[in-house]
Amino acid sequence: MNLKIKMKKMKKALVISGGGSKGSWGSGIISYLVEEQNKSWDIVIGTSTGSLIAPLAVIGKSEQLKKAYTSVTNKSIFNVEPFNKKGKVRIFNALWRVLTKKTSLGVANNLKKKIKENKF
């Protein structure tokens, strides 16, 4: 089998990692690739925030991606914030939550509301 035939069978995949700031960066890169470079992919997958970005990347909703990732604040994600105003973890609150409630550092119920309000 020659190389040209093999190249035609190859699929292009977009893999989007998780992590809030990585999602913001990734959504900007995807917007550029779609709008400026006319890129497309055969397979698009993501983890965590990447899984929220993936469907929008597939259907070409780059403007909504930009809006969603430039309007996020701690309050729009956490109803119990794990961070203080300087961005440091609230140590005593975090320890209290982990030791007594056996839960995470914060509660991110507001994120679910934020996703629904964007109505992608």
PDB file of N, CA and C in Angstrom:
ATOM      1  N   MET A   1       0.856  -1.176   0.000  1.00  0.00           N
ATOM      2  CA  MET A   1       0.000   0.000   0.000  1.00  0.00           C
ATOM      3  C   MET A   1       0.902   1.239   0.000  1.00  0.00           C
ATOM      4  N   ASN A   2       0.611   2.156  -0.892  1.00  0.00           N
ATOM      5  CA  ASN A   2       1.489   3.333  -0.938  1.00  0.00           C
ATOM      6  C   ASN A   2       1.093   4.359   0.123  1.00  0.00           C
ATOM      7  N   LEU A   3       1.929   5.346   0.331  1.00  0.00           N
ATOM      8  CA  LEU A   3       1.766   6.338   1.397  1.00  0.00           C
ATOM      9  C   LEU A   3       0.527   7.200   1.213  1.00  0.00           C
ATOM     10  N   LYS A   4       0.176   7.562  -0.022  1.00  0.00           N
ATOM     11  CA  LYS A   4      -0.992   8.411  -0.271  1.00  0.00           C
ATOM     12  C   LYS A   4      -2.276   7.739   0.193  1.00  0.00           C
ATOM     13  N   ILE A   5      -2.406   6.459  -0.029  1.00  0.00           N
ATOM     14  CA  ILE A   5      -3.611   5.736   0.402  1.00  0.00           C
ATOM     15  C   ILE A   5      -3.674   5.703   1.926  1.00  0.00           C
ATOM     16  N   LYS A   6      -2.559   5.468   2.589  1.00  0.00           N
ATOM     17  CA  LYS A   6      -2.531   5.459   4.049  1.00  0.00           C
ATOM     18  C   LYS A   6      -2.915   6.821   4.615  1.00  0.00           C
ATOM     19  N   MET A   7      -2.427   7.889   4.018  1.00  0.00           N
ATOM     20  CA  MET A   7      -2.721   9.235   4.500  1.00  0.00           C
ATOM     21  C   MET A   7      -4.205   9.556   4.398  1.00  0.00           C
ATOM     22  N   LYS A   8      -4.867   9.084   3.372  1.00  0.00           N
ATOM     23  CA  LYS A   8      -6.293   9.347   3.207  1.00  0.00           C
ATOM     24  C   LYS A   8      -7.123   8.665   4.291  1.00  0.00           C
ATOM     25  N   LYS A   9      -6.663   7.562   4.810  1.00  0.00           N
ATOM     26  CA  LYS A   9      -7.412   6.823   5.824  1.00  0.00           C
ATOM     27  C   LYS A   9      -7.208   7.385   7.230  1.00  0.00           C
ATOM     28  N   MET A  10      -6.213   8.239   7.403  1.00  0.00           N
ATOM     29  CA  MET A  10      -5.940   8.792   8.732  1.00  0.00           C
ATOM     30  C   MET A  10      -7.034   9.772   9.129  1.00  0.00           C
ATOM     31  N   LYS A  11      -7.395   9.762  10.383  1.00  0.00           N
ATOM     32  CA  LYS A  11      -8.401  10.675  10.926  1.00  0.00           C
ATOM     33  C   LYS A  11      -7.694  11.720  11.770  1.00  0.00           C
ATOM     34  N   LYS A  12      -8.282  12.914  11.820  1.00  0.00           N
ATOM     35  CA  LYS A  12      -7.745  13.986  12.653  1.00  0.00           C
ATOM     36  C   LYS A  12      -8.575  14.056  13.928  1.00  0.00           C
ATOM     37  N   ALA A  13      -7.888  14.117  15.058  1.00  0.00           N
ATOM     38  CA  ALA A  13      -8.574  14.183  16.347  1.00  0.00           C
ATOM     39  C   ALA A  13      -8.174  15.454  17.088  1.00  0.00           C
ATOM     40  N   LEU A  14      -9.141  16.021  17.789  1.00  0.00           N
ATOM     41  CA  LEU A  14      -8.894  17.144  18.685  1.00  0.00           C
ATOM     42  C   LEU A  14      -9.137  16.629  20.093  1.00  0.00           C
ATOM     43  N   VAL A  15      -8.111  16.709  20.938  1.00  0.00           N
ATOM     44  CA  VAL A  15      -8.207  16.249  22.325  1.00  0.00           C
ATOM     45  C   VAL A  15      -8.052  17.471  23.215  1.00  0.00           C
ATOM     46  N   ILE A  16      -9.066  17.733  24.038  1.00  0.00           N
ATOM     47  CA  ILE A  16      -9.082  18.940  24.867  1.00  0.00           C
ATOM     48  C   ILE A  16      -8.950  18.533  26.331  1.00  0.00           C
ATOM     49  N   SER A  17      -7.921  19.038  26.989  1.00  0.00           N
ATOM     50  CA  SER A  17      -7.672  18.653  28.382  1.00  0.00           C
ATOM     51  C   SER A  17      -8.597  19.376  29.338  1.00  0.00           C
ATOM     52  N   GLY A  18      -8.592  18.927  30.565  1.00  0.00           N
ATOM     53  CA  GLY A  18      -9.393  19.548  31.614  1.00  0.00           C
ATOM     54  C   GLY A  18      -8.600  20.621  32.344  1.00  0.00           C
ATOM     55  N   GLY A  19      -9.263  21.258  33.295  1.00  0.00           N
ATOM     56  CA  GLY A  19      -8.640  22.337  34.054  1.00  0.00           C
ATOM     57  C   GLY A  19      -9.175  23.671  33.571  1.00  0.00           C
ATOM     58  N   GLY A  20      -9.692  24.481  34.484  1.00  0.00           N
ATOM     59  CA  GLY A  20     -10.356  25.731  34.117  1.00  0.00           C
ATOM     60  C   GLY A  20      -9.547  26.644  33.226  1.00  0.00           C
ATOM     61  N   SER A  21      -8.317  26.963  33.611  1.00  0.00           N
ATOM     62  CA  SER A  21      -7.519  27.884  32.809  1.00  0.00           C
ATOM     63  C   SER A  21      -7.102  27.240  31.492  1.00  0.00           C
ATOM     64  N   LYS A  22      -6.890  25.941  31.491  1.00  0.00           N
ATOM     65  CA  LYS A  22      -6.565  25.250  30.245  1.00  0.00           C
ATOM     66  C   LYS A  22      -7.760  25.297  29.300  1.00  0.00           C
ATOM     67  N   GLY A  23      -8.952  25.216  29.866  1.00  0.00           N
ATOM     68  CA  GLY A  23     -10.166  25.304  29.043  1.00  0.00           C
ATOM     69  C   GLY A  23     -10.295  26.660  28.389  1.00  0.00           C
ATOM     70  N   SER A  24      -9.988  27.686  29.133  1.00  0.00           N
ATOM     71  CA  SER A  24     -10.044  29.043  28.596  1.00  0.00           C
ATOM     72  C   SER A  24      -9.043  29.200  27.459  1.00  0.00           C
ATOM     73  N   TRP A  25      -7.837  28.749  27.680  1.00  0.00           N
ATOM     74  CA  TRP A  25      -6.794  28.806  26.661  1.00  0.00           C
ATOM     75  C   TRP A  25      -7.212  27.967  25.457  1.00  0.00           C
ATOM     76  N   GLY A  26      -7.678  26.748  25.716  1.00  0.00           N
ATOM     77  CA  GLY A  26      -8.080  25.836  24.651  1.00  0.00           C
ATOM     78  C   GLY A  26      -9.220  26.375  23.808  1.00  0.00           C
ATOM     79  N   SER A  27     -10.194  27.010  24.444  1.00  0.00           N
ATOM     80  CA  SER A  27     -11.321  27.544  23.681  1.00  0.00           C
ATOM     81  C   SER A  27     -10.862  28.673  22.756  1.00  0.00           C
ATOM     82  N   GLY A  28      -9.896  29.462  23.196  1.00  0.00           N
ATOM     83  CA  GLY A  28      -9.340  30.520  22.341  1.00  0.00           C
ATOM     84  C   GLY A  28      -8.585  29.948  21.155  1.00  0.00           C
ATOM     85  N   ILE A  29      -7.801  28.918  21.398  1.00  0.00           N
ATOM     86  CA  ILE A  29      -7.048  28.272  20.319  1.00  0.00           C
ATOM     87  C   ILE A  29      -8.001  27.630  19.313  1.00  0.00           C
ATOM     88  N   ILE A  30      -9.033  26.946  19.826  1.00  0.00           N
ATOM     89  CA  ILE A  30     -10.003  26.297  18.942  1.00  0.00           C
ATOM     90  C   ILE A  30     -10.730  27.343  18.105  1.00  0.00           C
ATOM     91  N   SER A  31     -11.123  28.445  18.722  1.00  0.00           N
ATOM     92  CA  SER A  31     -11.782  29.522  17.970  1.00  0.00           C
ATOM     93  C   SER A  31     -10.896  29.996  16.827  1.00  0.00           C
ATOM     94  N   TYR A  32      -9.617  30.199  17.110  1.00  0.00           N
ATOM     95  CA  TYR A  32      -8.675  30.639  16.077  1.00  0.00           C
ATOM     96  C   TYR A  32      -8.566  29.595  14.960  1.00  0.00           C
ATOM     97  N   LEU A  33      -8.401  28.337  15.346  1.00  0.00           N
ATOM     98  CA  LEU A  33      -8.233  27.281  14.346  1.00  0.00           C
ATOM     99  C   LEU A  33      -9.457  27.146  13.439  1.00  0.00           C
ATOM    100  N   VAL A  34     -10.654  27.299  14.025  1.00  0.00           N
ATOM    101  CA  VAL A  34     -11.883  27.174  13.235  1.00  0.00           C
ATOM    102  C   VAL A  34     -12.107  28.419  12.380  1.00  0.00           C
ATOM    103  N   GLU A  35     -12.023  29.595  13.001  1.00  0.00           N
ATOM    104  CA  GLU A  35     -12.348  30.843  12.296  1.00  0.00           C
ATOM    105  C   GLU A  35     -11.273  31.278  11.296  1.00  0.00           C
ATOM    106  N   GLU A  36     -10.021  31.189  11.698  1.00  0.00           N
ATOM    107  CA  GLU A  36      -8.938  31.716  10.870  1.00  0.00           C
ATOM    108  C   GLU A  36      -8.275  30.673   9.975  1.00  0.00           C
ATOM    109  N   GLN A  37      -8.230  29.441  10.442  1.00  0.00           N
ATOM    110  CA  GLN A  37      -7.529  28.392   9.699  1.00  0.00           C
ATOM    111  C   GLN A  37      -8.471  27.385   9.025  1.00  0.00           C
ATOM    112  N   ASN A  38      -9.786  27.523   9.265  1.00  0.00           N
ATOM    113  CA  ASN A  38     -10.794  26.614   8.703  1.00  0.00           C
ATOM    114  C   ASN A  38     -10.506  25.141   9.009  1.00  0.00           C
ATOM    115  N   LYS A  39     -10.039  24.866  10.207  1.00  0.00           N
ATOM    116  CA  LYS A  39      -9.718  23.496  10.613  1.00  0.00           C
ATOM    117  C   LYS A  39     -10.990  22.760  11.018  1.00  0.00           C
ATOM    118  N   SER A  40     -10.961  21.459  10.851  1.00  0.00           N
ATOM    119  CA  SER A  40     -12.037  20.592  11.323  1.00  0.00           C
ATOM    120  C   SER A  40     -11.411  19.265  11.751  1.00  0.00           C
ATOM    121  N   TRP A  41     -12.172  18.495  12.512  1.00  0.00           N
ATOM    122  CA  TRP A  41     -11.662  17.249  13.047  1.00  0.00           C
ATOM    123  C   TRP A  41     -12.685  16.147  12.833  1.00  0.00           C
ATOM    124  N   ASP A  42     -12.178  14.926  12.733  1.00  0.00           N
ATOM    125  CA  ASP A  42     -13.048  13.759  12.604  1.00  0.00           C
ATOM    126  C   ASP A  42     -13.527  13.287  13.974  1.00  0.00           C
ATOM    127  N   ILE A  43     -12.685  13.467  14.966  1.00  0.00           N
ATOM    128  CA  ILE A  43     -12.977  13.024  16.328  1.00  0.00           C
ATOM    129  C   ILE A  43     -12.640  14.170  17.276  1.00  0.00           C
ATOM    130  N   VAL A  44     -13.547  14.476  18.202  1.00  0.00           N
ATOM    131  CA  VAL A  44     -13.295  15.510  19.205  1.00  0.00           C
ATOM    132  C   VAL A  44     -13.660  14.930  20.566  1.00  0.00           C
ATOM    133  N   ILE A  45     -12.686  14.937  21.489  1.00  0.00           N
ATOM    134  CA  ILE A  45     -12.933  14.435  22.832  1.00  0.00           C
ATOM    135  C   ILE A  45     -12.329  15.386  23.860  1.00  0.00           C
ATOM    136  N   GLY A  46     -12.845  15.322  25.081  1.00  0.00           N
ATOM    137  CA  GLY A  46     -12.309  16.165  26.131  1.00  0.00           C
ATOM    138  C   GLY A  46     -12.598  15.612  27.507  1.00  0.00           C
ATOM    139  N   THR A  47     -11.821  16.065  28.478  1.00  0.00           N
ATOM    140  CA  THR A  47     -12.054  15.681  29.864  1.00  0.00           C
ATOM    141  C   THR A  47     -12.351  16.938  30.670  1.00  0.00           C
ATOM    142  N   SER A  48     -13.217  16.804  31.652  1.00  0.00           N
ATOM    143  CA  SER A  48     -13.596  17.899  32.535  1.00  0.00           C
ATOM    144  C   SER A  48     -14.065  19.099  31.709  1.00  0.00           C
ATOM    145  N   THR A  49     -13.418  20.244  31.847  1.00  0.00           N
ATOM    146  CA  THR A  49     -13.867  21.407  31.077  1.00  0.00           C
ATOM    147  C   THR A  49     -13.722  21.172  29.570  1.00  0.00           C
ATOM    148  N   GLY A  50     -12.797  20.318  29.194  1.00  0.00           N
ATOM    149  CA  GLY A  50     -12.649  19.956  27.786  1.00  0.00           C
ATOM    150  C   GLY A  50     -13.879  19.258  27.228  1.00  0.00           C
ATOM    151  N   SER A  51     -14.589  18.524  28.097  1.00  0.00           N
ATOM    152  CA  SER A  51     -15.811  17.853  27.637  1.00  0.00           C
ATOM    153  C   SER A  51     -16.947  18.843  27.435  1.00  0.00           C
ATOM    154  N   LEU A  52     -16.865  20.014  28.071  1.00  0.00           N
ATOM    155  CA  LEU A  52     -17.851  21.072  27.835  1.00  0.00           C
ATOM    156  C   LEU A  52     -17.535  21.824  26.542  1.00  0.00           C
ATOM    157  N   ILE A  53     -16.259  21.930  26.230  1.00  0.00           N
ATOM    158  CA  ILE A  53     -15.823  22.639  25.041  1.00  0.00           C
ATOM    159  C   ILE A  53     -16.036  21.797  23.783  1.00  0.00           C
ATOM    160  N   ALA A  54     -15.813  20.494  23.875  1.00  0.00           N
ATOM    161  CA  ALA A  54     -15.827  19.606  22.706  1.00  0.00           C
ATOM    162  C   ALA A  54     -17.078  19.724  21.833  1.00  0.00           C
ATOM    163  N   PRO A  55     -18.289  19.646  22.407  1.00  0.00           N
ATOM    164  CA  PRO A  55     -19.463  19.738  21.525  1.00  0.00           C
ATOM    165  C   PRO A  55     -19.572  21.085  20.819  1.00  0.00           C
ATOM    166  N   LEU A  56     -19.185  22.147  21.497  1.00  0.00           N
ATOM    167  CA  LEU A  56     -19.239  23.479  20.884  1.00  0.00           C
ATOM    168  C   LEU A  56     -18.204  23.614  19.775  1.00  0.00           C
ATOM    169  N   ALA A  57     -17.061  22.975  19.956  1.00  0.00           N
ATOM    170  CA  ALA A  57     -16.034  22.995  18.919  1.00  0.00           C
ATOM    171  C   ALA A  57     -16.528  22.262  17.672  1.00  0.00           C
ATOM    172  N   VAL A  58     -17.233  21.168  17.873  1.00  0.00           N
ATOM    173  CA  VAL A  58     -17.726  20.363  16.755  1.00  0.00           C
ATOM    174  C   VAL A  58     -18.759  21.129  15.935  1.00  0.00           C
ATOM    175  N   ILE A  59     -19.647  21.861  16.608  1.00  0.00           N
ATOM    176  CA  ILE A  59     -20.714  22.554  15.877  1.00  0.00           C
ATOM    177  C   ILE A  59     -20.349  24.004  15.530  1.00  0.00           C
ATOM    178  N   GLY A  60     -19.105  24.392  15.804  1.00  0.00           N
ATOM    179  CA  GLY A  60     -18.619  25.708  15.380  1.00  0.00           C
ATOM    180  C   GLY A  60     -19.166  26.881  16.172  1.00  0.00           C
ATOM    181  N   LYS A  61     -19.398  26.711  17.460  1.00  0.00           N
ATOM    182  CA  LYS A  61     -19.925  27.789  18.310  1.00  0.00           C
ATOM    183  C   LYS A  61     -18.785  28.525  19.014  1.00  0.00           C
ATOM    184  N   SER A  62     -17.835  29.035  18.257  1.00  0.00           N
ATOM    185  CA  SER A  62     -16.667  29.669  18.864  1.00  0.00           C
ATOM    186  C   SER A  62     -17.013  30.962  19.599  1.00  0.00           C
ATOM    187  N   GLU A  63     -17.995  31.710  19.120  1.00  0.00           N
ATOM    188  CA  GLU A  63     -18.388  32.943  19.825  1.00  0.00           C
ATOM    189  C   GLU A  63     -18.954  32.619  21.203  1.00  0.00           C
ATOM    190  N   GLN A  64     -19.744  31.566  21.285  1.00  0.00           N
ATOM    191  CA  GLN A  64     -20.292  31.167  22.583  1.00  0.00           C
ATOM    192  C   GLN A  64     -19.195  30.640  23.502  1.00  0.00           C
ATOM    193  N   LEU A  65     -18.204  29.962  22.936  1.00  0.00           N
ATOM    194  CA  LEU A  65     -17.063  29.522  23.735  1.00  0.00           C
ATOM    195  C   LEU A  65     -16.339  30.719  24.341  1.00  0.00           C
ATOM    196  N   LYS A  66     -16.086  31.726  23.510  1.00  0.00           N
ATOM    197  CA  LYS A  66     -15.410  32.932  24.005  1.00  0.00           C
ATOM    198  C   LYS A  66     -16.214  33.574  25.133  1.00  0.00           C
ATOM    199  N   LYS A  67     -17.509  33.725  24.911  1.00  0.00           N
ATOM    200  CA  LYS A  67     -18.371  34.360  25.912  1.00  0.00           C
ATOM    201  C   LYS A  67     -18.356  33.574  27.227  1.00  0.00           C
ATOM    202  N   ALA A  68     -18.497  32.272  27.112  1.00  0.00           N
ATOM    203  CA  ALA A  68     -18.552  31.426  28.312  1.00  0.00           C
ATOM    204  C   ALA A  68     -17.258  31.480  29.110  1.00  0.00           C
ATOM    205  N   TYR A  69     -16.135  31.465  28.427  1.00  0.00           N
ATOM    206  CA  TYR A  69     -14.859  31.401  29.136  1.00  0.00           C
ATOM    207  C   TYR A  69     -14.273  32.765  29.492  1.00  0.00           C
ATOM    208  N   THR A  70     -14.893  33.843  29.053  1.00  0.00           N
ATOM    209  CA  THR A  70     -14.418  35.165  29.474  1.00  0.00           C
ATOM    210  C   THR A  70     -15.351  35.802  30.489  1.00  0.00           C
ATOM    211  N   SER A  71     -16.426  35.126  30.845  1.00  0.00           N
ATOM    212  CA  SER A  71     -17.368  35.684  31.812  1.00  0.00           C
ATOM    213  C   SER A  71     -17.420  34.881  33.118  1.00  0.00           C
ATOM    214  N   VAL A  72     -16.469  33.996  33.324  1.00  0.00           N
ATOM    215  CA  VAL A  72     -16.460  33.128  34.504  1.00  0.00           C
ATOM    216  C   VAL A  72     -15.737  33.805  35.668  1.00  0.00           C
ATOM    217  N   THR A  73     -16.347  33.724  36.838  1.00  0.00           N
ATOM    218  CA  THR A  73     -15.721  34.196  38.077  1.00  0.00           C
ATOM    219  C   THR A  73     -15.835  33.079  39.111  1.00  0.00           C
ATOM    220  N   ASN A  74     -15.140  33.226  40.223  1.00  0.00           N
ATOM    221  CA  ASN A  74     -15.268  32.234  41.294  1.00  0.00           C
ATOM    222  C   ASN A  74     -16.716  32.114  41.760  1.00  0.00           C
ATOM    223  N   LYS A  75     -17.399  33.255  41.871  1.00  0.00           N
ATOM    224  CA  LYS A  75     -18.790  33.234  42.335  1.00  0.00           C
ATOM    225  C   LYS A  75     -19.720  32.545  41.338  1.00  0.00           C
ATOM    226  N   SER A  76     -19.378  32.611  40.051  1.00  0.00           N
ATOM    227  CA  SER A  76     -20.232  31.944  39.069  1.00  0.00           C
ATOM    228  C   SER A  76     -19.997  30.432  39.052  1.00  0.00           C
ATOM    229  N   ILE A  77     -18.963  29.962  39.720  1.00  0.00           N
ATOM    230  CA  ILE A  77     -18.692  28.524  39.800  1.00  0.00           C
ATOM    231  C   ILE A  77     -19.031  27.965  41.176  1.00  0.00           C
ATOM    232  N   PHE A  78     -18.540  28.625  42.229  1.00  0.00           N
ATOM    233  CA  PHE A  78     -18.665  28.087  43.590  1.00  0.00           C
ATOM    234  C   PHE A  78     -19.758  28.783  44.382  1.00  0.00           C
ATOM    235  N   ASN A  79     -20.621  27.996  45.037  1.00  0.00           N
ATOM    236  CA  ASN A  79     -21.520  28.589  46.012  1.00  0.00           C
ATOM    237  C   ASN A  79     -20.865  28.554  47.389  1.00  0.00           C
ATOM    238  N   VAL A  80     -19.863  27.712  47.603  1.00  0.00           N
ATOM    239  CA  VAL A  80     -18.982  27.762  48.768  1.00  0.00           C
ATOM    240  C   VAL A  80     -17.576  27.868  48.193  1.00  0.00           C
ATOM    241  N   GLU A  81     -17.021  29.080  48.241  1.00  0.00           N
ATOM    242  CA  GLU A  81     -15.734  29.342  47.603  1.00  0.00           C
ATOM    243  C   GLU A  81     -14.561  28.811  48.427  1.00  0.00           C
ATOM    244  N   PRO A  82     -13.656  28.072  47.780  1.00  0.00           N
ATOM    245  CA  PRO A  82     -12.478  27.571  48.488  1.00  0.00           C
ATOM    246  C   PRO A  82     -11.318  28.564  48.506  1.00  0.00           C
ATOM    247  N   PHE A  83     -11.449  29.683  47.778  1.00  0.00           N
ATOM    248  CA  PHE A  83     -10.341  30.627  47.648  1.00  0.00           C
ATOM    249  C   PHE A  83     -10.693  31.991  48.242  1.00  0.00           C
ATOM    250  N   ASN A  84      -9.665  32.688  48.751  1.00  0.00           N
ATOM    251  CA  ASN A  84      -9.871  34.053  49.223  1.00  0.00           C
ATOM    252  C   ASN A  84      -9.682  35.021  48.061  1.00  0.00           C
ATOM    253  N   LYS A  85      -9.748  36.323  48.327  1.00  0.00           N
ATOM    254  CA  LYS A  85      -9.658  37.332  47.257  1.00  0.00           C
ATOM    255  C   LYS A  85      -8.291  37.355  46.578  1.00  0.00           C
ATOM    256  N   LYS A  86      -7.268  36.873  47.263  1.00  0.00           N
ATOM    257  CA  LYS A  86      -5.927  36.838  46.679  1.00  0.00           C
ATOM    258  C   LYS A  86      -5.685  35.555  45.880  1.00  0.00           C
ATOM    259  N   GLY A  87      -6.676  34.664  45.830  1.00  0.00           N
ATOM    260  CA  GLY A  87      -6.543  33.426  45.071  1.00  0.00           C
ATOM    261  C   GLY A  87      -5.932  32.279  45.851  1.00  0.00           C
ATOM    262  N   LYS A  88      -5.708  32.488  47.133  1.00  0.00           N
ATOM    263  CA  LYS A  88      -5.135  31.438  47.988  1.00  0.00           C
ATOM    264  C   LYS A  88      -6.258  30.581  48.561  1.00  0.00           C
ATOM    265  N   VAL A  89      -5.957  29.313  48.816  1.00  0.00           N
ATOM    266  CA  VAL A  89      -6.949  28.414  49.417  1.00  0.00           C
ATOM    267  C   VAL A  89      -7.221  28.860  50.838  1.00  0.00           C
ATOM    268  N   ARG A  90      -8.500  28.908  51.186  1.00  0.00           N
ATOM    269  CA  ARG A  90      -8.892  29.206  52.569  1.00  0.00           C
ATOM    270  C   ARG A  90      -8.607  27.961  53.402  1.00  0.00           C
ATOM    271  N   ILE A  91      -7.445  27.917  54.005  1.00  0.00           N
ATOM    272  CA  ILE A  91      -6.922  26.720  54.656  1.00  0.00           C
ATOM    273  C   ILE A  91      -7.872  26.169  55.722  1.00  0.00           C
ATOM    274  N   PHE A  92      -8.310  27.008  56.652  1.00  0.00           N
ATOM    275  CA  PHE A  92      -9.146  26.506  57.745  1.00  0.00           C
ATOM    276  C   PHE A  92     -10.498  26.018  57.241  1.00  0.00           C
ATOM    277  N   ASN A  93     -11.102  26.775  56.330  1.00  0.00           N
ATOM    278  CA  ASN A  93     -12.380  26.326  55.755  1.00  0.00           C
ATOM    279  C   ASN A  93     -12.199  25.016  54.988  1.00  0.00           C
ATOM    280  N   ALA A  94     -11.110  24.922  54.229  1.00  0.00           N
ATOM    281  CA  ALA A  94     -10.847  23.714  53.440  1.00  0.00           C
ATOM    282  C   ALA A  94     -10.637  22.513  54.347  1.00  0.00           C
ATOM    283  N   LEU A  95      -9.823  22.681  55.393  1.00  0.00           N
ATOM    284  CA  LEU A  95      -9.600  21.581  56.338  1.00  0.00           C
ATOM    285  C   LEU A  95     -10.894  21.166  57.018  1.00  0.00           C
ATOM    286  N   TRP A  96     -11.688  22.140  57.434  1.00  0.00           N
ATOM    287  CA  TRP A  96     -12.972  21.858  58.080  1.00  0.00           C
ATOM    288  C   TRP A  96     -13.877  21.042  57.157  1.00  0.00           C
ATOM    289  N   ARG A  97     -13.966  21.455  55.907  1.00  0.00           N
ATOM    290  CA  ARG A  97     -14.831  20.759  54.947  1.00  0.00           C
ATOM    291  C   ARG A  97     -14.344  19.334  54.698  1.00  0.00           C
ATOM    292  N   VAL A  98     -13.039  19.186  54.531  1.00  0.00           N
ATOM    293  CA  VAL A  98     -12.489  17.868  54.212  1.00  0.00           C
ATOM    294  C   VAL A  98     -12.578  16.929  55.416  1.00  0.00           C
ATOM    295  N   LEU A  99     -12.267  17.446  56.612  1.00  0.00           N
ATOM    296  CA  LEU A  99     -12.250  16.588  57.798  1.00  0.00           C
ATOM    297  C   LEU A  99     -13.636  16.289  58.360  1.00  0.00           C
ATOM    298  N   THR A 100     -14.523  17.260  58.368  1.00  0.00           N
ATOM    299  CA  THR A 100     -15.827  17.029  58.992  1.00  0.00           C
ATOM    300  C   THR A 100     -16.901  16.593  58.007  1.00  0.00           C
ATOM    301  N   LYS A 101     -16.895  17.138  56.844  1.00  0.00           N
ATOM    302  CA  LYS A 101     -17.945  16.835  55.869  1.00  0.00           C
ATOM    303  C   LYS A 101     -17.510  15.785  54.860  1.00  0.00           C
ATOM    304  N   LYS A 102     -16.224  15.449  54.877  1.00  0.00           N
ATOM    305  CA  LYS A 102     -15.667  14.460  53.945  1.00  0.00           C
ATOM    306  C   LYS A 102     -15.999  14.820  52.494  1.00  0.00           C
ATOM    307  N   THR A 103     -15.758  16.055  52.167  1.00  0.00           N
ATOM    308  CA  THR A 103     -16.102  16.550  50.839  1.00  0.00           C
ATOM    309  C   THR A 103     -14.948  17.346  50.254  1.00  0.00           C
ATOM    310  N   SER A 104     -15.172  18.005  49.166  1.00  0.00           N
ATOM    311  CA  SER A 104     -14.129  18.769  48.487  1.00  0.00           C
ATOM    312  C   SER A 104     -13.896  20.121  49.161  1.00  0.00           C
ATOM    313  N   LEU A 105     -12.926  20.867  48.632  1.00  0.00           N
ATOM    314  CA  LEU A 105     -12.578  22.164  49.198  1.00  0.00           C
ATOM    315  C   LEU A 105     -13.698  23.191  49.062  1.00  0.00           C
ATOM    316  N   GLY A 106     -14.457  23.113  47.996  1.00  0.00           N
ATOM    317  CA  GLY A 106     -15.553  24.051  47.757  1.00  0.00           C
ATOM    318  C   GLY A 106     -16.744  23.309  47.173  1.00  0.00           C
ATOM    319  N   VAL A 107     -17.834  24.019  46.979  1.00  0.00           N
ATOM    320  CA  VAL A 107     -19.019  23.432  46.377  1.00  0.00           C
ATOM    321  C   VAL A 107     -19.303  24.202  45.088  1.00  0.00           C
ATOM    322  N   ALA A 108     -19.329  23.494  43.967  1.00  0.00           N
ATOM    323  CA  ALA A 108     -19.428  24.141  42.665  1.00  0.00           C
ATOM    324  C   ALA A 108     -20.816  24.018  42.040  1.00  0.00           C
ATOM    325  N   ASN A 109     -21.861  24.126  42.844  1.00  0.00           N
ATOM    326  CA  ASN A 109     -23.217  24.034  42.305  1.00  0.00           C
ATOM    327  C   ASN A 109     -23.540  25.180  41.354  1.00  0.00           C
ATOM    328  N   ASN A 110     -22.932  26.327  41.557  1.00  0.00           N
ATOM    329  CA  ASN A 110     -23.192  27.469  40.671  1.00  0.00           C
ATOM    330  C   ASN A 110     -22.718  27.214  39.245  1.00  0.00           C
ATOM    331  N   LEU A 111     -21.741  26.324  39.074  1.00  0.00           N
ATOM    332  CA  LEU A 111     -21.258  26.002  37.734  1.00  0.00           C
ATOM    333  C   LEU A 111     -22.372  25.379  36.899  1.00  0.00           C
ATOM    334  N   LYS A 112     -23.157  24.517  37.504  1.00  0.00           N
ATOM    335  CA  LYS A 112     -24.277  23.892  36.796  1.00  0.00           C
ATOM    336  C   LYS A 112     -25.264  24.960  36.306  1.00  0.00           C
ATOM    337  N   LYS A 113     -25.539  25.946  37.156  1.00  0.00           N
ATOM    338  CA  LYS A 113     -26.412  27.055  36.770  1.00  0.00           C
ATOM    339  C   LYS A 113     -25.805  27.846  35.609  1.00  0.00           C
ATOM    340  N   LYS A 114     -24.495  28.099  35.683  1.00  0.00           N
ATOM    341  CA  LYS A 114     -23.791  28.847  34.639  1.00  0.00           C
ATOM    342  C   LYS A 114     -23.886  28.130  33.293  1.00  0.00           C
ATOM    343  N   ILE A 115     -23.720  26.828  33.301  1.00  0.00           N
ATOM    344  CA  ILE A 115     -23.811  26.041  32.054  1.00  0.00           C
ATOM    345  C   ILE A 115     -25.214  26.122  31.476  1.00  0.00           C
ATOM    346  N   LYS A 116     -26.223  25.985  32.332  1.00  0.00           N
ATOM    347  CA  LYS A 116     -27.610  26.053  31.863  1.00  0.00           C
ATOM    348  C   LYS A 116     -27.959  27.451  31.326  1.00  0.00           C
ATOM    349  N   GLU A 117     -27.446  28.479  31.970  1.00  0.00           N
ATOM    350  CA  GLU A 117     -27.780  29.854  31.567  1.00  0.00           C
ATOM    351  C   GLU A 117     -27.197  30.204  30.199  1.00  0.00           C
ATOM    352  N   ASN A 118     -26.099  29.551  29.801  1.00  0.00           N
ATOM    353  CA  ASN A 118     -25.517  29.828  28.487  1.00  0.00           C
ATOM    354  C   ASN A 118     -26.302  29.199  27.343  1.00  0.00           C
ATOM    355  N   LYS A 119     -27.104  28.207  27.611  1.00  0.00           N
ATOM    356  CA  LYS A 119     -27.992  27.573  26.613  1.00  0.00           C
ATOM    357  C   LYS A 119     -27.320  27.379  25.264  1.00  0.00           C
ATOM    358  N   PHE A 120     -26.270  26.599  25.265  1.00  0.00           N
ATOM    359  CA  PHE A 120     -25.540  26.344  24.040  1.00  0.00           C
ATOM    360  C   PHE A 120     -26.369  25.492  23.123  1.00  0.00           C
TER     361      PHE A 120
END
